[in-house]
């Protein structure tokens, strides 16, 4: 996990569950920003991934990075099945997390 993601999860308010949509959105924005070489604040959570210029290879890579940063399984098709950060985070927050082996 990158130092920035680790700090984000350590500094998040204790009231937020480990896999809250807010935490997942922040982690996903960080992964996307890193892939696009922009700042996380520049990533709009409501903008479709397709409009951000993400290709399928990058989307699968981002899903893998998110899986690593969250320590839970993330489907490789996450960004295609749930085409915005908000939708993807809401989906992951609803699904019972499975730890990555």
PDB file of N, CA and C in Angstrom:
ATOM      1  N   UNK A   1       0.867  -1.169   0.000  1.00  0.00           N
ATOM      2  CA  UNK A   1       0.000   0.000   0.000  1.00  0.00           C
ATOM      3  C   UNK A   1       0.907   1.222   0.000  1.00  0.00           C
ATOM      4  N   UNK A   2       0.543   2.217  -0.793  1.00  0.00           N
ATOM      5  CA  UNK A   2       1.354   3.427  -0.844  1.00  0.00           C
ATOM      6  C   UNK A   2       1.281   4.145   0.486  1.00  0.00           C
ATOM      7  N   UNK A   3       2.307   4.945   0.770  1.00  0.00           N
ATOM      8  CA  UNK A   3       2.340   5.706   2.007  1.00  0.00           C
ATOM      9  C   UNK A   3       1.141   6.618   2.139  1.00  0.00           C
ATOM     10  N   UNK A   4       0.712   7.221   1.020  1.00  0.00           N
ATOM     11  CA  UNK A   4      -0.429   8.136   1.060  1.00  0.00           C
ATOM     12  C   UNK A   4      -1.713   7.390   1.411  1.00  0.00           C
ATOM     13  N   UNK A   5      -1.921   6.210   0.809  1.00  0.00           N
ATOM     14  CA  UNK A   5      -3.119   5.431   1.126  1.00  0.00           C
ATOM     15  C   UNK A   5      -3.079   4.955   2.570  1.00  0.00           C
ATOM     16  N   UNK A   6      -1.903   4.506   3.035  1.00  0.00           N
ATOM     17  CA  UNK A   6      -1.784   4.039   4.411  1.00  0.00           C
ATOM     18  C   UNK A   6      -2.135   5.173   5.366  1.00  0.00           C
ATOM     19  N   UNK A   7      -1.619   6.372   5.100  1.00  0.00           N
ATOM     20  CA  UNK A   7      -1.909   7.527   5.942  1.00  0.00           C
ATOM     21  C   UNK A   7      -3.398   7.857   5.899  1.00  0.00           C
ATOM     22  N   UNK A   8      -4.012   7.797   4.720  1.00  0.00           N
ATOM     23  CA  UNK A   8      -5.437   8.073   4.578  1.00  0.00           C
ATOM     24  C   UNK A   8      -6.249   7.144   5.473  1.00  0.00           C
ATOM     25  N   UNK A   9      -5.924   5.853   5.451  1.00  0.00           N
ATOM     26  CA  UNK A   9      -6.686   4.907   6.257  1.00  0.00           C
ATOM     27  C   UNK A   9      -6.392   5.072   7.742  1.00  0.00           C
ATOM     28  N   UNK A  10      -5.166   5.434   8.104  1.00  0.00           N
ATOM     29  CA  UNK A  10      -4.838   5.639   9.509  1.00  0.00           C
ATOM     30  C   UNK A  10      -5.486   6.906  10.053  1.00  0.00           C
ATOM     31  N   UNK A  11      -5.579   7.945   9.224  1.00  0.00           N
ATOM     32  CA  UNK A  11      -6.104   9.229   9.674  1.00  0.00           C
ATOM     33  C   UNK A  11      -7.617   9.350   9.557  1.00  0.00           C
ATOM     34  N   UNK A  12      -8.271   8.390   8.936  1.00  0.00           N
ATOM     35  CA  UNK A  12      -9.726   8.476   8.761  1.00  0.00           C
ATOM     36  C   UNK A  12     -10.407   8.446  10.118  1.00  0.00           C
ATOM     37  N   UNK A  13     -11.498   9.175  10.257  1.00  0.00           N
ATOM     38  CA  UNK A  13     -12.210   9.186  11.533  1.00  0.00           C
ATOM     39  C   UNK A  13     -12.606   7.785  11.975  1.00  0.00           C
ATOM     40  N   UNK A  14     -12.490   7.525  13.255  1.00  0.00           N
ATOM     41  CA  UNK A  14     -12.790   6.202  13.796  1.00  0.00           C
ATOM     42  C   UNK A  14     -14.245   5.812  13.559  1.00  0.00           C
ATOM     43  N   UNK A  15     -15.126   6.788  13.402  1.00  0.00           N
ATOM     44  CA  UNK A  15     -16.545   6.494  13.211  1.00  0.00           C
ATOM     45  C   UNK A  15     -16.831   5.844  11.865  1.00  0.00           C
ATOM     46  N   UNK A  16     -15.909   5.984  10.902  1.00  0.00           N
ATOM     47  CA  UNK A  16     -16.121   5.382   9.590  1.00  0.00           C
ATOM     48  C   UNK A  16     -15.768   3.902   9.645  1.00  0.00           C
ATOM     49  N   UNK A  17     -16.673   3.034   9.206  1.00  0.00           N
ATOM     50  CA  UNK A  17     -16.335   1.610   9.160  1.00  0.00           C
ATOM     51  C   UNK A  17     -15.153   1.389   8.223  1.00  0.00           C
ATOM     52  N   UNK A  18     -14.445   0.290   8.434  1.00  0.00           N
ATOM     53  CA  UNK A  18     -13.247   0.005   7.645  1.00  0.00           C
ATOM     54  C   UNK A  18     -13.509   0.044   6.144  1.00  0.00           C
ATOM     55  N   UNK A  19     -14.676  -0.411   5.729  1.00  0.00           N
ATOM     56  CA  UNK A  19     -14.985  -0.447   4.305  1.00  0.00           C
ATOM     57  C   UNK A  19     -16.142   0.489   3.958  1.00  0.00           C
ATOM     58  N   UNK A  20     -16.170   1.663   4.555  1.00  0.00           N
ATOM     59  CA  UNK A  20     -17.230   2.623   4.244  1.00  0.00           C
ATOM     60  C   UNK A  20     -17.059   3.133   2.821  1.00  0.00           C
ATOM     61  N   UNK A  21     -18.142   3.570   2.219  1.00  0.00           N
ATOM     62  CA  UNK A  21     -18.085   4.118   0.865  1.00  0.00           C
ATOM     63  C   UNK A  21     -17.126   5.305   0.804  1.00  0.00           C
ATOM     64  N   UNK A  22     -17.089   6.138   1.844  1.00  0.00           N
ATOM     65  CA  UNK A  22     -16.187   7.295   1.846  1.00  0.00           C
ATOM     66  C   UNK A  22     -14.727   6.872   1.777  1.00  0.00           C
ATOM     67  N   UNK A  23     -14.360   5.880   2.567  1.00  0.00           N
ATOM     68  CA  UNK A  23     -12.974   5.398   2.554  1.00  0.00           C
ATOM     69  C   UNK A  23     -12.629   4.754   1.214  1.00  0.00           C
ATOM     70  N   UNK A  24     -13.558   3.975   0.690  1.00  0.00           N
ATOM     71  CA  UNK A  24     -13.314   3.312  -0.590  1.00  0.00           C
ATOM     72  C   UNK A  24     -13.207   4.353  -1.703  1.00  0.00           C
ATOM     73  N   UNK A  25     -14.068   5.369  -1.686  1.00  0.00           N
ATOM     74  CA  UNK A  25     -13.991   6.447  -2.686  1.00  0.00           C
ATOM     75  C   UNK A  25     -12.620   7.110  -2.643  1.00  0.00           C
ATOM     76  N   UNK A  26     -12.138   7.418  -1.456  1.00  0.00           N
ATOM     77  CA  UNK A  26     -10.839   8.080  -1.323  1.00  0.00           C
ATOM     78  C   UNK A  26      -9.712   7.193  -1.853  1.00  0.00           C
ATOM     79  N   UNK A  27      -9.755   5.911  -1.522  1.00  0.00           N
ATOM     80  CA  UNK A  27      -8.725   4.984  -1.999  1.00  0.00           C
ATOM     81  C   UNK A  27      -8.784   4.833  -3.512  1.00  0.00           C
ATOM     82  N   UNK A  28      -9.989   4.748  -4.056  1.00  0.00           N
ATOM     83  CA  UNK A  28     -10.152   4.606  -5.500  1.00  0.00           C
ATOM     84  C   UNK A  28      -9.695   5.865  -6.229  1.00  0.00           C
ATOM     85  N   UNK A  29     -10.029   7.029  -5.699  1.00  0.00           N
ATOM     86  CA  UNK A  29      -9.572   8.288  -6.305  1.00  0.00           C
ATOM     87  C   UNK A  29      -8.052   8.353  -6.317  1.00  0.00           C
ATOM     88  N   UNK A  30      -7.415   7.882  -5.255  1.00  0.00           N
ATOM     89  CA  UNK A  30      -5.947   7.863  -5.183  1.00  0.00           C
ATOM     90  C   UNK A  30      -5.370   6.945  -6.257  1.00  0.00           C
ATOM     91  N   UNK A  31      -5.936   5.760  -6.417  1.00  0.00           N
ATOM     92  CA  UNK A  31      -5.450   4.816  -7.436  1.00  0.00           C
ATOM     93  C   UNK A  31      -5.626   5.381  -8.842  1.00  0.00           C
ATOM     94  N   UNK A  32      -6.767   5.982  -9.106  1.00  0.00           N
ATOM     95  CA  UNK A  32      -7.028   6.565 -10.428  1.00  0.00           C
ATOM     96  C   UNK A  32      -6.112   7.748 -10.686  1.00  0.00           C
ATOM     97  N   UNK A  33      -5.952   8.594  -9.696  1.00  0.00           N
ATOM     98  CA  UNK A  33      -5.069   9.762  -9.853  1.00  0.00           C
ATOM     99  C   UNK A  33      -3.641   9.327 -10.157  1.00  0.00           C
ATOM    100  N   UNK A  34      -3.186   8.288  -9.470  1.00  0.00           N
ATOM    101  CA  UNK A  34      -1.834   7.787  -9.716  1.00  0.00           C
ATOM    102  C   UNK A  34      -1.711   7.290 -11.156  1.00  0.00           C
ATOM    103  N   UNK A  35      -2.728   6.559 -11.634  1.00  0.00           N
ATOM    104  CA  UNK A  35      -2.704   6.026 -13.002  1.00  0.00           C
ATOM    105  C   UNK A  35      -2.728   7.147 -14.036  1.00  0.00           C
ATOM    106  N   UNK A  36      -3.474   8.212 -13.750  1.00  0.00           N
ATOM    107  CA  UNK A  36      -3.603   9.328 -14.696  1.00  0.00           C
ATOM    108  C   UNK A  36      -2.559  10.413 -14.491  1.00  0.00           C
ATOM    109  N   UNK A  37      -1.743  10.236 -13.440  1.00  0.00           N
ATOM    110  CA  UNK A  37      -0.692  11.211 -13.115  1.00  0.00           C
ATOM    111  C   UNK A  37      -1.272  12.602 -12.838  1.00  0.00           C
ATOM    112  N   UNK A  38      -2.331  12.602 -12.017  1.00  0.00           N
ATOM    113  CA  UNK A  38      -2.959  13.846 -11.578  1.00  0.00           C
ATOM    114  C   UNK A  38      -3.151  13.772 -10.059  1.00  0.00           C
ATOM    115  N   UNK A  39      -3.615  14.852  -9.474  1.00  0.00           N
ATOM    116  CA  UNK A  39      -3.884  14.880  -8.044  1.00  0.00           C
ATOM    117  C   UNK A  39      -5.240  14.243  -7.759  1.00  0.00           C
ATOM    118  N   UNK A  40      -5.377  13.537  -6.631  1.00  0.00           N
ATOM    119  CA  UNK A  40      -6.669  12.922  -6.300  1.00  0.00           C
ATOM    120  C   UNK A  40      -7.824  13.927  -6.270  1.00  0.00           C
ATOM    121  N   UNK A  41      -7.559  15.153  -5.884  1.00  0.00           N
ATOM    122  CA  UNK A  41      -8.608  16.176  -5.836  1.00  0.00           C
ATOM    123  C   UNK A  41      -9.148  16.508  -7.232  1.00  0.00           C
ATOM    124  N   UNK A  42      -8.390  16.172  -8.268  1.00  0.00           N
ATOM    125  CA  UNK A  42      -8.819  16.441  -9.642  1.00  0.00           C
ATOM    126  C   UNK A  42      -9.743  15.352 -10.189  1.00  0.00           C
ATOM    127  N   UNK A  43      -9.926  14.271  -9.454  1.00  0.00           N
ATOM    128  CA  UNK A  43     -10.756  13.157  -9.907  1.00  0.00           C
ATOM    129  C   UNK A  43     -12.171  13.361  -9.366  1.00  0.00           C
ATOM    130  N   UNK A  44     -13.125  13.521 -10.274  1.00  0.00           N
ATOM    131  CA  UNK A  44     -14.527  13.721  -9.910  1.00  0.00           C
ATOM    132  C   UNK A  44     -15.180  12.359  -9.668  1.00  0.00           C
ATOM    133  N   UNK A  45     -15.715  12.152  -8.472  1.00  0.00           N
ATOM    134  CA  UNK A  45     -16.305  10.861  -8.093  1.00  0.00           C
ATOM    135  C   UNK A  45     -17.542  10.511  -8.914  1.00  0.00           C
ATOM    136  N   UNK A  46     -18.126  11.500  -9.596  1.00  0.00           N
ATOM    137  CA  UNK A  46     -19.329  11.242 -10.392  1.00  0.00           C
ATOM    138  C   UNK A  46     -19.034  11.129 -11.895  1.00  0.00           C
ATOM    139  N   UNK A  47     -17.811  11.357 -12.270  1.00  0.00           N
ATOM    140  CA  UNK A  47     -17.417  11.300 -13.686  1.00  0.00           C
ATOM    141  C   UNK A  47     -17.241   9.845 -14.108  1.00  0.00           C
ATOM    142  N   UNK A  48     -17.880   9.419 -15.197  1.00  0.00           N
ATOM    143  CA  UNK A  48     -17.687   8.037 -15.664  1.00  0.00           C
ATOM    144  C   UNK A  48     -16.210   7.769 -15.993  1.00  0.00           C
ATOM    145  N   UNK A  49     -15.753   6.581 -15.620  1.00  0.00           N
ATOM    146  CA  UNK A  49     -14.358   6.211 -15.857  1.00  0.00           C
ATOM    147  C   UNK A  49     -13.994   6.347 -17.325  1.00  0.00           C
ATOM    148  N   UNK A  50     -14.925   6.014 -18.191  1.00  0.00           N
ATOM    149  CA  UNK A  50     -14.688   6.105 -19.635  1.00  0.00           C
ATOM    150  C   UNK A  50     -14.305   7.537 -20.028  1.00  0.00           C
ATOM    151  N   UNK A  51     -14.955   8.521 -19.419  1.00  0.00           N
ATOM    152  CA  UNK A  51     -14.645   9.923 -19.722  1.00  0.00           C
ATOM    153  C   UNK A  51     -13.280  10.345 -19.196  1.00  0.00           C
ATOM    154  N   UNK A  52     -12.761   9.599 -18.236  1.00  0.00           N
ATOM    155  CA  UNK A  52     -11.433   9.901 -17.697  1.00  0.00           C
ATOM    156  C   UNK A  52     -10.319   9.355 -18.593  1.00  0.00           C
ATOM    157  N   UNK A  53     -10.716   8.539 -19.584  1.00  0.00           N
ATOM    158  CA  UNK A  53      -9.732   7.987 -20.510  1.00  0.00           C
ATOM    159  C   UNK A  53      -9.105   6.693 -20.030  1.00  0.00           C
ATOM    160  N   UNK A  54      -9.774   5.993 -19.109  1.00  0.00           N
ATOM    161  CA  UNK A  54      -9.225   4.723 -18.620  1.00  0.00           C
ATOM    162  C   UNK A  54      -9.523   3.608 -19.619  1.00  0.00           C
ATOM    163  N   UNK A  55      -8.494   2.885 -20.012  1.00  0.00           N
ATOM    164  CA  UNK A  55      -8.715   1.726 -20.876  1.00  0.00           C
ATOM    165  C   UNK A  55      -8.880   0.485 -19.999  1.00  0.00           C
ATOM    166  N   UNK A  56      -9.205  -0.637 -20.610  1.00  0.00           N
ATOM    167  CA  UNK A  56      -9.501  -1.843 -19.828  1.00  0.00           C
ATOM    168  C   UNK A  56      -8.284  -2.326 -19.047  1.00  0.00           C
ATOM    169  N   UNK A  57      -7.133  -2.225 -19.618  1.00  0.00           N
ATOM    170  CA  UNK A  57      -5.906  -2.660 -18.928  1.00  0.00           C
ATOM    171  C   UNK A  57      -5.671  -1.826 -17.676  1.00  0.00           C
ATOM    172  N   UNK A  58      -5.835  -0.520 -17.802  1.00  0.00           N
ATOM    173  CA  UNK A  58      -5.654   0.365 -16.652  1.00  0.00           C
ATOM    174  C   UNK A  58      -6.726   0.108 -15.604  1.00  0.00           C
ATOM    175  N   UNK A  59      -7.957  -0.129 -16.042  1.00  0.00           N
ATOM    176  CA  UNK A  59      -9.055  -0.395 -15.112  1.00  0.00           C
ATOM    177  C   UNK A  59      -8.786  -1.661 -14.291  1.00  0.00           C
ATOM    178  N   UNK A  60      -8.295  -2.706 -14.922  1.00  0.00           N
ATOM    179  CA  UNK A  60      -7.977  -3.942 -14.214  1.00  0.00           C
ATOM    180  C   UNK A  60      -6.813  -3.700 -13.249  1.00  0.00           C
ATOM    181  N   UNK A  61      -5.837  -2.932 -13.675  1.00  0.00           N
ATOM    182  CA  UNK A  61      -4.704  -2.594 -12.814  1.00  0.00           C
ATOM    183  C   UNK A  61      -5.160  -1.810 -11.586  1.00  0.00           C
ATOM    184  N   UNK A  62      -6.058  -0.860 -11.785  1.00  0.00           N
ATOM    185  CA  UNK A  62      -6.585  -0.060 -10.679  1.00  0.00           C
ATOM    186  C   UNK A  62      -7.352  -0.952  -9.707  1.00  0.00           C
ATOM    187  N   UNK A  63      -8.140  -1.893 -10.221  1.00  0.00           N
ATOM    188  CA  UNK A  63      -8.862  -2.827  -9.354  1.00  0.00           C
ATOM    189  C   UNK A  63      -7.867  -3.623  -8.498  1.00  0.00           C
ATOM    190  N   UNK A  64      -6.766  -4.030  -9.095  1.00  0.00           N
ATOM    191  CA  UNK A  64      -5.731  -4.752  -8.345  1.00  0.00           C
ATOM    192  C   UNK A  64      -5.081  -3.890  -7.275  1.00  0.00           C
ATOM    193  N   UNK A  65      -4.816  -2.634  -7.613  1.00  0.00           N
ATOM    194  CA  UNK A  65      -4.233  -1.714  -6.625  1.00  0.00           C
ATOM    195  C   UNK A  65      -5.208  -1.478  -5.478  1.00  0.00           C
ATOM    196  N   UNK A  66      -6.472  -1.322  -5.811  1.00  0.00           N
ATOM    197  CA  UNK A  66      -7.489  -1.102  -4.789  1.00  0.00           C
ATOM    198  C   UNK A  66      -7.605  -2.334  -3.890  1.00  0.00           C
ATOM    199  N   UNK A  67      -7.553  -3.502  -4.486  1.00  0.00           N
ATOM    200  CA  UNK A  67      -7.592  -4.746  -3.717  1.00  0.00           C
ATOM    201  C   UNK A  67      -6.446  -4.781  -2.721  1.00  0.00           C
ATOM    202  N   UNK A  68      -5.266  -4.421  -3.182  1.00  0.00           N
ATOM    203  CA  UNK A  68      -4.089  -4.407  -2.305  1.00  0.00           C
ATOM    204  C   UNK A  68      -4.238  -3.367  -1.196  1.00  0.00           C
ATOM    205  N   UNK A  69      -4.703  -2.180  -1.537  1.00  0.00           N
ATOM    206  CA  UNK A  69      -4.799  -1.111  -0.538  1.00  0.00           C
ATOM    207  C   UNK A  69      -5.887  -1.378   0.494  1.00  0.00           C
ATOM    208  N   UNK A  70      -6.969  -2.065   0.090  1.00  0.00           N
ATOM    209  CA  UNK A  70      -8.059  -2.361   1.017  1.00  0.00           C
ATOM    210  C   UNK A  70      -7.870  -3.694   1.732  1.00  0.00           C
ATOM    211  N   UNK A  71      -7.012  -4.558   1.166  1.00  0.00           N
ATOM    212  CA  UNK A  71      -6.805  -5.870   1.760  1.00  0.00           C
ATOM    213  C   UNK A  71      -8.017  -6.766   1.638  1.00  0.00           C
ATOM    214  N   UNK A  72      -8.777  -6.581   0.569  1.00  0.00           N
ATOM    215  CA  UNK A  72      -9.979  -7.376   0.326  1.00  0.00           C
ATOM    216  C   UNK A  72     -10.124  -7.613  -1.160  1.00  0.00           C
ATOM    217  N   UNK A  73     -10.880  -8.642  -1.520  1.00  0.00           N
ATOM    218  CA  UNK A  73     -11.081  -8.938  -2.932  1.00  0.00           C
ATOM    219  C   UNK A  73     -11.845  -7.821  -3.622  1.00  0.00           C
ATOM    220  N   UNK A  74     -11.378  -7.480  -4.813  1.00  0.00           N
ATOM    221  CA  UNK A  74     -12.042  -6.492  -5.664  1.00  0.00           C
ATOM    222  C   UNK A  74     -12.144  -7.117  -7.051  1.00  0.00           C
ATOM    223  N   UNK A  75     -13.351  -7.229  -7.601  1.00  0.00           N
ATOM    224  CA  UNK A  75     -13.490  -7.845  -8.927  1.00  0.00           C
ATOM    225  C   UNK A  75     -12.711  -7.051  -9.980  1.00  0.00           C
ATOM    226  N   UNK A  76     -11.999  -7.737 -10.871  1.00  0.00           N
ATOM    227  CA  UNK A  76     -11.238  -7.028 -11.901  1.00  0.00           C
ATOM    228  C   UNK A  76     -12.121  -6.202 -12.830  1.00  0.00           C
ATOM    229  N   UNK A  77     -13.397  -6.533 -12.898  1.00  0.00           N
ATOM    230  CA  UNK A  77     -14.333  -5.800 -13.761  1.00  0.00           C
ATOM    231  C   UNK A  77     -15.061  -4.674 -13.019  1.00  0.00           C
ATOM    232  N   UNK A  78     -14.635  -4.371 -11.811  1.00  0.00           N
ATOM    233  CA  UNK A  78     -15.317  -3.375 -10.975  1.00  0.00           C
ATOM    234  C   UNK A  78     -15.597  -2.074 -11.713  1.00  0.00           C
ATOM    235  N   UNK A  79     -14.584  -1.511 -12.387  1.00  0.00           N
ATOM    236  CA  UNK A  79     -14.738  -0.198 -13.011  1.00  0.00           C
ATOM    237  C   UNK A  79     -15.640  -0.230 -14.238  1.00  0.00           C
ATOM    238  N   UNK A  80     -15.844  -1.396 -14.830  1.00  0.00           N
ATOM    239  CA  UNK A  80     -16.757  -1.496 -15.973  1.00  0.00           C
ATOM    240  C   UNK A  80     -18.179  -1.773 -15.501  1.00  0.00           C
ATOM    241  N   UNK A  81     -18.295  -2.546 -14.427  1.00  0.00           N
ATOM    242  CA  UNK A  81     -19.622  -2.878 -13.895  1.00  0.00           C
ATOM    243  C   UNK A  81     -20.243  -1.711 -13.121  1.00  0.00           C
ATOM    244  N   UNK A  82     -19.413  -0.861 -12.557  1.00  0.00           N
ATOM    245  CA  UNK A  82     -19.851   0.286 -11.741  1.00  0.00           C
ATOM    246  C   UNK A  82     -19.018   1.484 -12.219  1.00  0.00           C
ATOM    247  N   UNK A  83     -19.507   2.218 -13.225  1.00  0.00           N
ATOM    248  CA  UNK A  83     -18.686   3.145 -14.002  1.00  0.00           C
ATOM    249  C   UNK A  83     -18.321   4.500 -13.399  1.00  0.00           C
ATOM    250  N   UNK A  84     -18.556   4.720 -12.113  1.00  0.00           N
ATOM    251  CA  UNK A  84     -18.064   5.947 -11.473  1.00  0.00           C
ATOM    252  C   UNK A  84     -17.480   5.559 -10.116  1.00  0.00           C
ATOM    253  N   UNK A  85     -16.685   6.440  -9.552  1.00  0.00           N
ATOM    254  CA  UNK A  85     -16.128   6.177  -8.225  1.00  0.00           C
ATOM    255  C   UNK A  85     -17.255   5.990  -7.216  1.00  0.00           C
ATOM    256  N   UNK A  86     -18.264   6.853  -7.277  1.00  0.00           N
ATOM    257  CA  UNK A  86     -19.381   6.745  -6.331  1.00  0.00           C
ATOM    258  C   UNK A  86     -20.066   5.381  -6.424  1.00  0.00           C
ATOM    259  N   UNK A  87     -20.341   4.934  -7.646  1.00  0.00           N
ATOM    260  CA  UNK A  87     -21.026   3.655  -7.838  1.00  0.00           C
ATOM    261  C   UNK A  87     -20.155   2.475  -7.400  1.00  0.00           C
ATOM    262  N   UNK A  88     -18.886   2.509  -7.758  1.00  0.00           N
ATOM    263  CA  UNK A  88     -17.971   1.423  -7.389  1.00  0.00           C
ATOM    264  C   UNK A  88     -17.805   1.352  -5.870  1.00  0.00           C
ATOM    265  N   UNK A  89     -17.648   2.499  -5.228  1.00  0.00           N
ATOM    266  CA  UNK A  89     -17.476   2.534  -3.771  1.00  0.00           C
ATOM    267  C   UNK A  89     -18.743   2.063  -3.065  1.00  0.00           C
ATOM    268  N   UNK A  90     -19.895   2.490  -3.553  1.00  0.00           N
ATOM    269  CA  UNK A  90     -21.167   2.070  -2.946  1.00  0.00           C
ATOM    270  C   UNK A  90     -21.322   0.554  -3.063  1.00  0.00           C
ATOM    271  N   UNK A  91     -20.967   0.008  -4.215  1.00  0.00           N
ATOM    272  CA  UNK A  91     -21.044  -1.444  -4.405  1.00  0.00           C
ATOM    273  C   UNK A  91     -20.136  -2.164  -3.412  1.00  0.00           C
ATOM    274  N   UNK A  92     -18.875  -1.761  -3.327  1.00  0.00           N
ATOM    275  CA  UNK A  92     -17.936  -2.429  -2.432  1.00  0.00           C
ATOM    276  C   UNK A  92     -18.332  -2.273  -0.967  1.00  0.00           C
ATOM    277  N   UNK A  93     -18.917  -1.141  -0.617  1.00  0.00           N
ATOM    278  CA  UNK A  93     -19.343  -0.920   0.769  1.00  0.00           C
ATOM    279  C   UNK A  93     -20.513  -1.840   1.140  1.00  0.00           C
ATOM    280  N   UNK A  94     -21.332  -2.220   0.142  1.00  0.00           N
ATOM    281  CA  UNK A  94     -22.488  -3.100   0.381  1.00  0.00           C
ATOM    282  C   UNK A  94     -22.121  -4.573   0.433  1.00  0.00           C
ATOM    283  N   UNK A  95     -21.071  -4.950  -0.285  1.00  0.00           N
ATOM    284  CA  UNK A  95     -20.696  -6.352  -0.422  1.00  0.00           C
ATOM    285  C   UNK A  95     -19.845  -6.783   0.773  1.00  0.00           C
ATOM    286  N   UNK A  96     -20.169  -7.931   1.321  1.00  0.00           N
ATOM    287  CA  UNK A  96     -19.382  -8.471   2.442  1.00  0.00           C
ATOM    288  C   UNK A  96     -17.940  -8.681   1.976  1.00  0.00           C
ATOM    289  N   UNK A  97     -16.992  -8.029   2.643  1.00  0.00           N
ATOM    290  CA  UNK A  97     -15.593  -8.139   2.197  1.00  0.00           C
ATOM    291  C   UNK A  97     -15.023  -9.537   2.409  1.00  0.00           C
ATOM    292  N   UNK A  98     -14.271  -9.976   1.438  1.00  0.00           N
ATOM    293  CA  UNK A  98     -13.518 -11.220   1.523  1.00  0.00           C
ATOM    294  C   UNK A  98     -12.045 -10.832   1.574  1.00  0.00           C
ATOM    295  N   UNK A  99     -11.353 -11.290   2.577  1.00  0.00           N
ATOM    296  CA  UNK A  99      -9.933 -10.952   2.713  1.00  0.00           C
ATOM    297  C   UNK A  99      -9.149 -11.568   1.558  1.00  0.00           C
ATOM    298  N   UNK A 100      -8.149 -10.845   1.123  1.00  0.00           N
ATOM    299  CA  UNK A 100      -7.253 -11.344   0.081  1.00  0.00           C
ATOM    300  C   UNK A 100      -6.306 -12.340   0.736  1.00  0.00           C
ATOM    301  N   UNK A 101      -6.188 -13.514   0.139  1.00  0.00           N
ATOM    302  CA  UNK A 101      -5.314 -14.560   0.695  1.00  0.00           C
ATOM    303  C   UNK A 101      -3.879 -14.312   0.332  1.00  0.00           C
TER     304      UNK A 101
END
